[in-house]
N, C-alpha and C. Protein backbone atom coordinates (compact mmCIF):
# COMPACT_ATOMS: atom_id res chain seq x y z
N MET A 1 0.84 -1.17 0.00
CA MET A 1 0.00 0.00 0.00
C MET A 1 0.89 1.24 0.00
N LYS A 2 0.62 2.19 -0.88
CA LYS A 2 1.40 3.42 -0.97
C LYS A 2 0.61 4.57 -0.37
N LEU A 3 1.31 5.57 0.09
CA LEU A 3 0.67 6.74 0.69
C LEU A 3 1.08 7.97 -0.09
N TYR A 4 0.11 8.65 -0.67
CA TYR A 4 0.36 9.87 -1.42
C TYR A 4 -0.51 10.99 -0.86
N LEU A 5 0.12 11.96 -0.22
CA LEU A 5 -0.57 13.16 0.25
C LEU A 5 -1.88 12.87 0.96
N GLY A 6 -1.86 11.95 1.88
CA GLY A 6 -3.05 11.67 2.68
C GLY A 6 -4.08 10.81 1.98
N ILE A 7 -3.75 10.23 0.83
CA ILE A 7 -4.69 9.37 0.11
C ILE A 7 -4.08 7.97 0.07
N ARG A 8 -4.84 7.01 0.52
CA ARG A 8 -4.37 5.63 0.58
C ARG A 8 -4.67 4.94 -0.76
N GLN A 9 -3.66 4.27 -1.30
CA GLN A 9 -3.83 3.55 -2.56
C GLN A 9 -3.18 2.18 -2.42
N SER A 10 -3.76 1.21 -3.10
CA SER A 10 -3.12 -0.10 -3.09
C SER A 10 -1.95 -0.07 -4.07
N ALA A 11 -0.98 -0.92 -3.86
CA ALA A 11 0.21 -0.94 -4.69
C ALA A 11 -0.11 -1.32 -6.13
N ALA A 12 -1.15 -2.12 -6.36
CA ALA A 12 -1.48 -2.58 -7.70
C ALA A 12 -2.17 -1.50 -8.53
N SER A 13 -2.83 -0.56 -7.91
CA SER A 13 -3.57 0.44 -8.67
C SER A 13 -2.67 1.61 -9.06
N SER A 14 -3.04 2.26 -10.14
CA SER A 14 -2.26 3.43 -10.56
C SER A 14 -2.74 4.65 -9.79
N SER A 15 -1.95 5.71 -9.80
CA SER A 15 -2.28 6.91 -9.03
C SER A 15 -3.49 7.64 -9.62
N THR A 16 -3.81 7.42 -10.91
CA THR A 16 -4.95 8.12 -11.51
C THR A 16 -6.25 7.37 -11.31
N ALA A 17 -6.19 6.06 -11.11
CA ALA A 17 -7.40 5.27 -11.00
C ALA A 17 -7.83 5.03 -9.55
N ALA A 18 -7.05 5.49 -8.60
CA ALA A 18 -7.35 5.20 -7.19
C ALA A 18 -8.50 6.06 -6.68
N THR A 19 -9.29 5.47 -5.80
CA THR A 19 -10.37 6.21 -5.15
C THR A 19 -9.81 6.84 -3.89
N PRO A 20 -9.97 8.16 -3.74
CA PRO A 20 -9.40 8.81 -2.55
C PRO A 20 -10.03 8.26 -1.27
N ASP A 21 -9.18 7.88 -0.34
CA ASP A 21 -9.59 7.42 0.98
C ASP A 21 -8.67 8.11 1.98
N PRO A 22 -9.13 9.18 2.62
CA PRO A 22 -8.23 9.93 3.49
C PRO A 22 -7.69 9.08 4.63
N VAL A 23 -6.42 9.24 4.91
CA VAL A 23 -5.77 8.51 5.98
C VAL A 23 -6.17 9.18 7.29
N LYS A 24 -6.66 8.41 8.24
CA LYS A 24 -7.11 8.94 9.52
C LYS A 24 -5.93 9.03 10.46
N ASP A 25 -5.63 10.25 10.88
CA ASP A 25 -4.60 10.47 11.90
C ASP A 25 -5.32 10.68 13.21
N ASP A 26 -4.76 10.19 14.30
CA ASP A 26 -5.41 10.31 15.59
C ASP A 26 -5.54 11.76 16.06
N PHE A 27 -4.61 12.60 15.67
CA PHE A 27 -4.61 13.98 16.12
C PHE A 27 -5.32 14.87 15.10
N PRO A 28 -6.04 15.89 15.60
CA PRO A 28 -6.63 16.84 14.65
C PRO A 28 -5.51 17.62 13.95
N GLU A 29 -5.84 18.18 12.82
CA GLU A 29 -4.84 18.92 12.05
C GLU A 29 -4.39 20.17 12.80
N ALA A 30 -5.35 20.89 13.36
CA ALA A 30 -5.03 22.13 14.07
C ALA A 30 -6.03 22.34 15.20
N LEU A 31 -5.63 23.16 16.16
CA LEU A 31 -6.50 23.56 17.26
C LEU A 31 -6.55 25.09 17.29
N THR A 32 -7.51 25.63 18.00
CA THR A 32 -7.60 27.08 18.19
C THR A 32 -7.22 27.37 19.62
N TYR A 33 -6.07 28.05 19.82
CA TYR A 33 -5.69 28.48 21.15
C TYR A 33 -6.34 29.83 21.41
N ARG A 34 -6.82 30.01 22.63
CA ARG A 34 -7.41 31.29 23.01
C ARG A 34 -6.74 31.76 24.29
N PHE A 35 -6.20 32.99 24.23
CA PHE A 35 -5.54 33.59 25.39
C PHE A 35 -5.93 35.06 25.44
N ASN A 36 -6.47 35.50 26.57
CA ASN A 36 -6.91 36.90 26.75
C ASN A 36 -7.82 37.36 25.61
N ASP A 37 -8.80 36.55 25.26
CA ASP A 37 -9.76 36.86 24.19
C ASP A 37 -9.15 37.01 22.81
N ASN A 38 -7.92 36.53 22.63
CA ASN A 38 -7.28 36.50 21.31
C ASN A 38 -7.15 35.04 20.89
N SER A 39 -7.54 34.75 19.67
CA SER A 39 -7.49 33.37 19.17
C SER A 39 -6.41 33.22 18.12
N ALA A 40 -5.82 32.02 18.08
CA ALA A 40 -4.81 31.71 17.07
C ALA A 40 -4.93 30.24 16.70
N TRP A 41 -4.87 29.96 15.41
CA TRP A 41 -4.85 28.57 14.97
C TRP A 41 -3.43 28.07 15.07
N VAL A 42 -3.27 26.89 15.66
CA VAL A 42 -1.94 26.28 15.80
C VAL A 42 -2.04 24.81 15.42
N PRO A 43 -0.95 24.23 14.94
CA PRO A 43 -0.98 22.78 14.69
C PRO A 43 -1.23 22.05 16.00
N ALA A 44 -1.91 20.94 15.95
CA ALA A 44 -2.17 20.16 17.16
C ALA A 44 -0.85 19.57 17.65
N ALA A 45 -0.46 19.94 18.85
CA ALA A 45 0.80 19.46 19.43
C ALA A 45 0.67 18.00 19.84
N ARG A 46 1.73 17.24 19.66
CA ARG A 46 1.73 15.83 20.05
C ARG A 46 2.03 15.66 21.54
N THR A 47 2.69 16.64 22.16
CA THR A 47 3.02 16.57 23.58
C THR A 47 2.65 17.87 24.27
N HIS A 48 2.56 17.82 25.57
CA HIS A 48 2.26 19.02 26.36
C HIS A 48 3.38 20.05 26.22
N ASP A 49 4.63 19.59 26.23
CA ASP A 49 5.76 20.51 26.07
C ASP A 49 5.70 21.24 24.73
N GLU A 50 5.35 20.51 23.68
CA GLU A 50 5.22 21.13 22.36
C GLU A 50 4.07 22.13 22.36
N ALA A 51 3.00 21.83 23.09
CA ALA A 51 1.86 22.75 23.19
C ALA A 51 2.28 24.06 23.85
N VAL A 52 3.11 23.97 24.90
CA VAL A 52 3.62 25.18 25.56
C VAL A 52 4.46 25.99 24.58
N ASP A 53 5.32 25.32 23.81
CA ASP A 53 6.14 26.02 22.82
C ASP A 53 5.26 26.75 21.81
N LEU A 54 4.23 26.08 21.32
CA LEU A 54 3.33 26.70 20.34
C LEU A 54 2.58 27.89 20.94
N ALA A 55 2.18 27.78 22.20
CA ALA A 55 1.49 28.88 22.87
C ALA A 55 2.42 30.08 23.03
N LYS A 56 3.66 29.83 23.41
CA LYS A 56 4.63 30.92 23.56
C LYS A 56 4.94 31.58 22.22
N HIS A 57 4.92 30.80 21.16
CA HIS A 57 5.15 31.36 19.83
C HIS A 57 3.95 32.19 19.37
N ALA A 58 2.75 31.70 19.64
CA ALA A 58 1.53 32.40 19.20
C ALA A 58 1.26 33.66 20.01
N TYR A 59 1.65 33.65 21.28
CA TYR A 59 1.39 34.78 22.17
C TYR A 59 2.70 35.23 22.81
N PRO A 60 3.32 36.27 22.25
CA PRO A 60 4.63 36.74 22.75
C PRO A 60 4.61 37.10 24.24
N GLU A 61 3.46 37.51 24.78
CA GLU A 61 3.39 37.87 26.19
C GLU A 61 3.61 36.66 27.11
N LEU A 62 3.56 35.44 26.58
CA LEU A 62 3.81 34.24 27.37
C LEU A 62 5.30 33.86 27.42
N ARG A 63 6.10 34.48 26.61
CA ARG A 63 7.51 34.07 26.50
C ARG A 63 8.29 34.25 27.80
N GLY A 64 7.90 35.20 28.64
CA GLY A 64 8.59 35.40 29.90
C GLY A 64 8.00 34.60 31.05
N ILE A 65 6.98 33.80 30.79
CA ILE A 65 6.29 33.02 31.82
C ILE A 65 6.93 31.63 31.92
N ARG A 66 7.15 31.17 33.16
CA ARG A 66 7.69 29.82 33.36
C ARG A 66 6.76 28.79 32.73
N ARG A 67 7.36 27.76 32.16
CA ARG A 67 6.60 26.72 31.46
C ARG A 67 5.58 26.03 32.36
N ASP A 68 5.93 25.80 33.63
CA ASP A 68 5.03 25.08 34.53
C ASP A 68 3.82 25.92 34.94
N ARG A 69 3.81 27.19 34.60
CA ARG A 69 2.67 28.04 34.93
C ARG A 69 1.66 28.12 33.79
N ILE A 70 2.04 27.67 32.60
CA ILE A 70 1.13 27.73 31.44
C ILE A 70 0.28 26.46 31.44
N THR A 71 -1.05 26.66 31.46
CA THR A 71 -1.97 25.52 31.49
C THR A 71 -2.94 25.61 30.33
N PHE A 72 -3.53 24.47 29.98
CA PHE A 72 -4.47 24.38 28.88
C PHE A 72 -5.79 23.83 29.40
N HIS A 73 -6.88 24.39 28.91
CA HIS A 73 -8.20 24.00 29.38
C HIS A 73 -9.13 23.83 28.19
N THR A 74 -10.05 22.89 28.33
CA THR A 74 -11.04 22.67 27.29
C THR A 74 -12.39 22.40 27.94
N THR A 75 -13.43 22.58 27.19
CA THR A 75 -14.78 22.36 27.70
C THR A 75 -15.08 20.87 27.67
N GLY A 76 -15.44 20.36 28.84
CA GLY A 76 -15.84 18.96 28.95
C GLY A 76 -17.33 18.86 28.69
N LYS A 77 -17.95 17.81 29.20
CA LYS A 77 -19.40 17.63 28.99
C LYS A 77 -20.20 18.72 29.67
N SER A 78 -19.79 19.12 30.88
CA SER A 78 -20.58 20.12 31.59
C SER A 78 -19.74 21.22 32.22
N SER A 79 -18.41 21.14 32.08
CA SER A 79 -17.58 22.16 32.69
C SER A 79 -16.25 22.28 31.95
N ILE A 80 -15.46 23.25 32.38
CA ILE A 80 -14.13 23.43 31.79
C ILE A 80 -13.15 22.58 32.59
N ALA A 81 -12.29 21.87 31.89
CA ALA A 81 -11.33 20.98 32.54
C ALA A 81 -9.92 21.31 32.08
N CYS A 82 -8.99 21.21 33.01
CA CYS A 82 -7.57 21.41 32.71
C CYS A 82 -7.04 20.13 32.04
N ILE A 83 -6.24 20.31 31.01
CA ILE A 83 -5.60 19.17 30.35
C ILE A 83 -4.21 19.02 30.97
N THR A 84 -4.02 17.99 31.76
CA THR A 84 -2.73 17.79 32.42
C THR A 84 -1.70 17.25 31.43
N PRO A 85 -0.41 17.41 31.74
CA PRO A 85 0.61 16.87 30.83
C PRO A 85 0.44 15.38 30.58
N ALA A 86 0.07 14.62 31.61
CA ALA A 86 -0.07 13.16 31.45
C ALA A 86 -1.25 12.79 30.56
N ALA A 87 -2.27 13.63 30.52
CA ALA A 87 -3.47 13.33 29.74
C ALA A 87 -3.48 14.01 28.37
N TRP A 88 -2.44 14.76 28.05
CA TRP A 88 -2.45 15.57 26.82
C TRP A 88 -2.81 14.74 25.59
N GLN A 89 -2.08 13.68 25.34
CA GLN A 89 -2.33 12.89 24.12
C GLN A 89 -3.71 12.25 24.14
N LEU A 90 -4.13 11.74 25.28
CA LEU A 90 -5.45 11.10 25.37
C LEU A 90 -6.57 12.08 25.04
N VAL A 91 -6.46 13.31 25.52
CA VAL A 91 -7.51 14.31 25.32
C VAL A 91 -7.46 14.87 23.90
N VAL A 92 -6.29 15.29 23.46
CA VAL A 92 -6.18 15.95 22.16
C VAL A 92 -6.57 15.03 21.01
N ARG A 93 -6.30 13.76 21.12
CA ARG A 93 -6.68 12.80 20.06
C ARG A 93 -8.18 12.81 19.81
N ARG A 94 -8.95 13.13 20.86
CA ARG A 94 -10.41 13.07 20.76
C ARG A 94 -11.05 14.42 20.46
N LEU A 95 -10.24 15.47 20.33
CA LEU A 95 -10.80 16.79 20.03
C LEU A 95 -11.06 16.92 18.54
N PRO A 96 -12.13 17.59 18.17
CA PRO A 96 -12.37 17.84 16.74
C PRO A 96 -11.39 18.89 16.22
N PRO A 97 -11.15 18.93 14.92
CA PRO A 97 -10.25 19.94 14.36
C PRO A 97 -10.71 21.35 14.72
N TYR A 98 -9.75 22.22 15.00
CA TYR A 98 -9.96 23.64 15.31
C TYR A 98 -10.73 23.85 16.61
N HIS A 99 -10.77 22.85 17.47
CA HIS A 99 -11.43 22.96 18.78
C HIS A 99 -10.73 24.06 19.60
N VAL A 100 -11.48 24.81 20.39
CA VAL A 100 -10.91 25.90 21.18
C VAL A 100 -10.30 25.34 22.46
N VAL A 101 -9.03 25.64 22.66
CA VAL A 101 -8.31 25.27 23.88
C VAL A 101 -7.88 26.57 24.54
N ASP A 102 -8.36 26.81 25.76
CA ASP A 102 -7.99 28.03 26.47
C ASP A 102 -6.61 27.89 27.08
N VAL A 103 -5.80 28.92 26.90
CA VAL A 103 -4.47 28.97 27.48
C VAL A 103 -4.55 29.91 28.68
N ARG A 104 -4.09 29.44 29.81
CA ARG A 104 -4.15 30.25 31.04
C ARG A 104 -2.80 30.24 31.73
N ILE A 105 -2.62 31.23 32.60
CA ILE A 105 -1.42 31.30 33.43
C ILE A 105 -1.81 30.95 34.85
N ARG A 106 -1.21 29.92 35.39
CA ARG A 106 -1.50 29.50 36.75
C ARG A 106 -0.86 30.48 37.72
N ASP A 107 -1.54 30.75 38.82
CA ASP A 107 -1.02 31.64 39.84
C ASP A 107 0.27 31.09 40.41
N VAL A 108 1.18 32.00 40.80
CA VAL A 108 2.44 31.59 41.40
C VAL A 108 2.18 31.06 42.80
N GLU A 109 1.16 31.57 43.46
CA GLU A 109 0.83 31.17 44.82
C GLU A 109 0.55 29.67 44.86
N GLY A 110 1.25 28.98 45.74
CA GLY A 110 1.03 27.55 45.91
C GLY A 110 1.89 26.66 45.03
N LEU A 111 2.68 27.22 44.12
CA LEU A 111 3.52 26.38 43.26
C LEU A 111 4.62 25.70 44.06
N GLU A 112 5.14 26.34 45.09
CA GLU A 112 6.20 25.74 45.88
C GLU A 112 5.69 24.52 46.65
N ASP A 113 4.41 24.48 46.98
CA ASP A 113 3.84 23.36 47.71
C ASP A 113 3.83 22.08 46.87
N ASP A 114 3.88 22.21 45.56
CA ASP A 114 3.80 21.06 44.67
C ASP A 114 5.06 20.20 44.68
N THR A 115 6.15 20.69 45.28
CA THR A 115 7.40 19.93 45.21
C THR A 115 7.33 18.62 45.99
N ASP A 116 6.44 18.54 46.98
CA ASP A 116 6.32 17.31 47.77
C ASP A 116 5.41 16.27 47.14
N LEU A 117 4.69 16.65 46.09
CA LEU A 117 3.77 15.72 45.47
C LEU A 117 4.54 14.66 44.68
N PRO A 118 4.05 13.44 44.68
CA PRO A 118 4.71 12.40 43.88
C PRO A 118 4.47 12.67 42.39
N GLY A 119 5.26 12.00 41.57
CA GLY A 119 5.08 12.13 40.13
C GLY A 119 3.79 11.48 39.69
N TYR A 120 3.54 11.49 38.40
CA TYR A 120 2.33 10.88 37.89
C TYR A 120 2.34 9.39 38.19
N PRO A 121 1.17 8.84 38.58
CA PRO A 121 1.13 7.45 39.01
C PRO A 121 1.09 6.44 37.87
N TYR A 122 1.59 6.82 36.71
CA TYR A 122 1.56 5.90 35.58
C TYR A 122 2.79 5.02 35.61
N VAL A 123 2.59 3.75 35.34
CA VAL A 123 3.66 2.77 35.42
C VAL A 123 4.46 2.80 34.13
N THR A 124 5.76 2.83 34.26
CA THR A 124 6.64 2.77 33.10
C THR A 124 7.26 1.39 33.02
N THR A 125 7.90 1.11 31.91
CA THR A 125 8.56 -0.18 31.73
C THR A 125 9.65 -0.37 32.77
N ASN A 126 10.40 0.72 33.06
CA ASN A 126 11.46 0.61 34.07
C ASN A 126 10.88 0.29 35.43
N THR A 127 9.74 0.88 35.77
CA THR A 127 9.10 0.61 37.06
C THR A 127 8.69 -0.85 37.15
N ILE A 128 8.10 -1.37 36.09
CA ILE A 128 7.67 -2.77 36.09
C ILE A 128 8.87 -3.69 36.27
N GLN A 129 9.95 -3.43 35.53
CA GLN A 129 11.14 -4.27 35.62
C GLN A 129 11.72 -4.20 37.03
N ARG A 130 11.80 -2.98 37.62
CA ARG A 130 12.34 -2.82 38.96
C ARG A 130 11.49 -3.57 39.98
N GLU A 131 10.16 -3.47 39.85
CA GLU A 131 9.27 -4.17 40.78
C GLU A 131 9.41 -5.68 40.65
N LYS A 132 9.61 -6.17 39.42
CA LYS A 132 9.81 -7.61 39.23
C LYS A 132 11.10 -8.05 39.92
N GLU A 133 12.16 -7.25 39.74
CA GLU A 133 13.44 -7.60 40.35
C GLU A 133 13.34 -7.55 41.87
N GLU A 134 12.69 -6.52 42.42
CA GLU A 134 12.53 -6.42 43.87
C GLU A 134 11.69 -7.58 44.40
N GLY A 135 10.63 -7.94 43.67
CA GLY A 135 9.78 -9.07 44.08
C GLY A 135 10.56 -10.37 44.05
N TYR A 136 11.41 -10.53 43.03
CA TYR A 136 12.23 -11.74 42.92
C TYR A 136 13.20 -11.82 44.09
N LEU A 137 13.86 -10.69 44.40
CA LEU A 137 14.80 -10.68 45.52
C LEU A 137 14.08 -10.94 46.83
N LEU A 138 12.88 -10.36 47.00
CA LEU A 138 12.11 -10.58 48.21
C LEU A 138 11.72 -12.05 48.35
N GLN A 139 11.30 -12.67 47.22
CA GLN A 139 10.95 -14.09 47.26
C GLN A 139 12.16 -14.94 47.62
N LYS A 140 13.33 -14.59 47.12
CA LYS A 140 14.54 -15.35 47.44
C LYS A 140 14.84 -15.26 48.93
N GLU A 141 14.66 -14.06 49.52
CA GLU A 141 14.93 -13.89 50.94
C GLU A 141 13.93 -14.66 51.78
N VAL A 142 12.65 -14.64 51.39
CA VAL A 142 11.61 -15.33 52.14
C VAL A 142 11.79 -16.83 52.05
N SER A 143 12.14 -17.34 50.86
CA SER A 143 12.24 -18.78 50.67
C SER A 143 13.55 -19.35 51.17
N ARG A 144 14.49 -18.49 51.57
CA ARG A 144 15.78 -18.96 52.05
C ARG A 144 15.59 -19.67 53.39
N PRO A 145 16.00 -20.90 53.51
CA PRO A 145 15.78 -21.66 54.75
C PRO A 145 16.72 -21.19 55.86
N GLU A 146 16.24 -21.31 57.07
CA GLU A 146 17.05 -20.96 58.23
C GLU A 146 18.02 -22.11 58.56
N THR A 147 17.61 -23.31 58.20
CA THR A 147 18.45 -24.47 58.49
C THR A 147 18.96 -25.05 57.19
N GLY A 148 19.95 -25.89 57.30
CA GLY A 148 20.52 -26.53 56.12
C GLY A 148 19.65 -27.65 55.62
N GLY A 149 20.17 -28.47 54.73
CA GLY A 149 19.43 -29.61 54.22
C GLY A 149 19.05 -29.39 52.79
N ASN A 150 18.59 -30.49 52.17
CA ASN A 150 18.19 -30.36 50.78
C ASN A 150 16.77 -29.82 50.68
N ARG A 151 16.35 -29.59 49.50
CA ARG A 151 15.06 -28.94 49.28
C ARG A 151 13.90 -29.80 49.79
N LEU A 152 13.95 -31.08 49.54
CA LEU A 152 12.88 -31.98 49.96
C LEU A 152 12.71 -31.97 51.48
N SER A 153 13.81 -32.00 52.21
CA SER A 153 13.70 -31.98 53.66
C SER A 153 13.15 -30.64 54.15
N ARG A 154 13.48 -29.53 53.48
CA ARG A 154 12.93 -28.23 53.85
C ARG A 154 11.43 -28.19 53.62
N VAL A 155 10.96 -28.75 52.49
CA VAL A 155 9.53 -28.76 52.19
C VAL A 155 8.79 -29.61 53.20
N ILE A 156 9.33 -30.79 53.54
CA ILE A 156 8.69 -31.67 54.50
C ILE A 156 8.62 -31.00 55.87
N SER A 157 9.70 -30.36 56.28
CA SER A 157 9.69 -29.70 57.58
C SER A 157 8.72 -28.53 57.58
N CYS A 158 8.55 -27.90 56.46
CA CYS A 158 7.58 -26.79 56.35
C CYS A 158 6.16 -27.33 56.48
N VAL A 159 5.88 -28.46 55.82
CA VAL A 159 4.54 -29.07 55.87
C VAL A 159 4.23 -29.53 57.29
N ARG A 160 5.21 -30.12 57.95
CA ARG A 160 5.02 -30.61 59.31
C ARG A 160 4.94 -29.47 60.34
N GLY A 161 5.41 -28.30 59.94
CA GLY A 161 5.39 -27.16 60.86
C GLY A 161 6.62 -27.08 61.74
N ASN A 162 7.70 -27.72 61.35
CA ASN A 162 8.95 -27.68 62.13
C ASN A 162 9.70 -26.40 61.91
């Protein structure tokens, strides 16, 4: 299958005889950022960090603002919700093209309190591997017999309650 400018074609068909079938991308083509009642169309960012970069580019008054103070909000079913960095891709994939995303500046008050908060509770591959290794080491320590002898004698003594 060949891909030409967003049109999917089978390899056997020629480029003139193909029926256009637009390729579906998970992300919308563009979003509408709104800051201080000013709107700007921007490409849909793939990450939260990229979204901050695009907001700073679209609104020069944001360039002097710390990145962690810039937040994004969208209208949910019944209220406005903040799009967190961890949820960025999940939310943006489901937004329609040119959807309005409000850009806001978070107050400085209370930012220092956030340093004690744990990171996002999402499990990474490294976390899973580390937990497996820790569990394995813990099992080795628990299963290590206090007395000598072969494995069979340890199992029998365990069954008997010795």
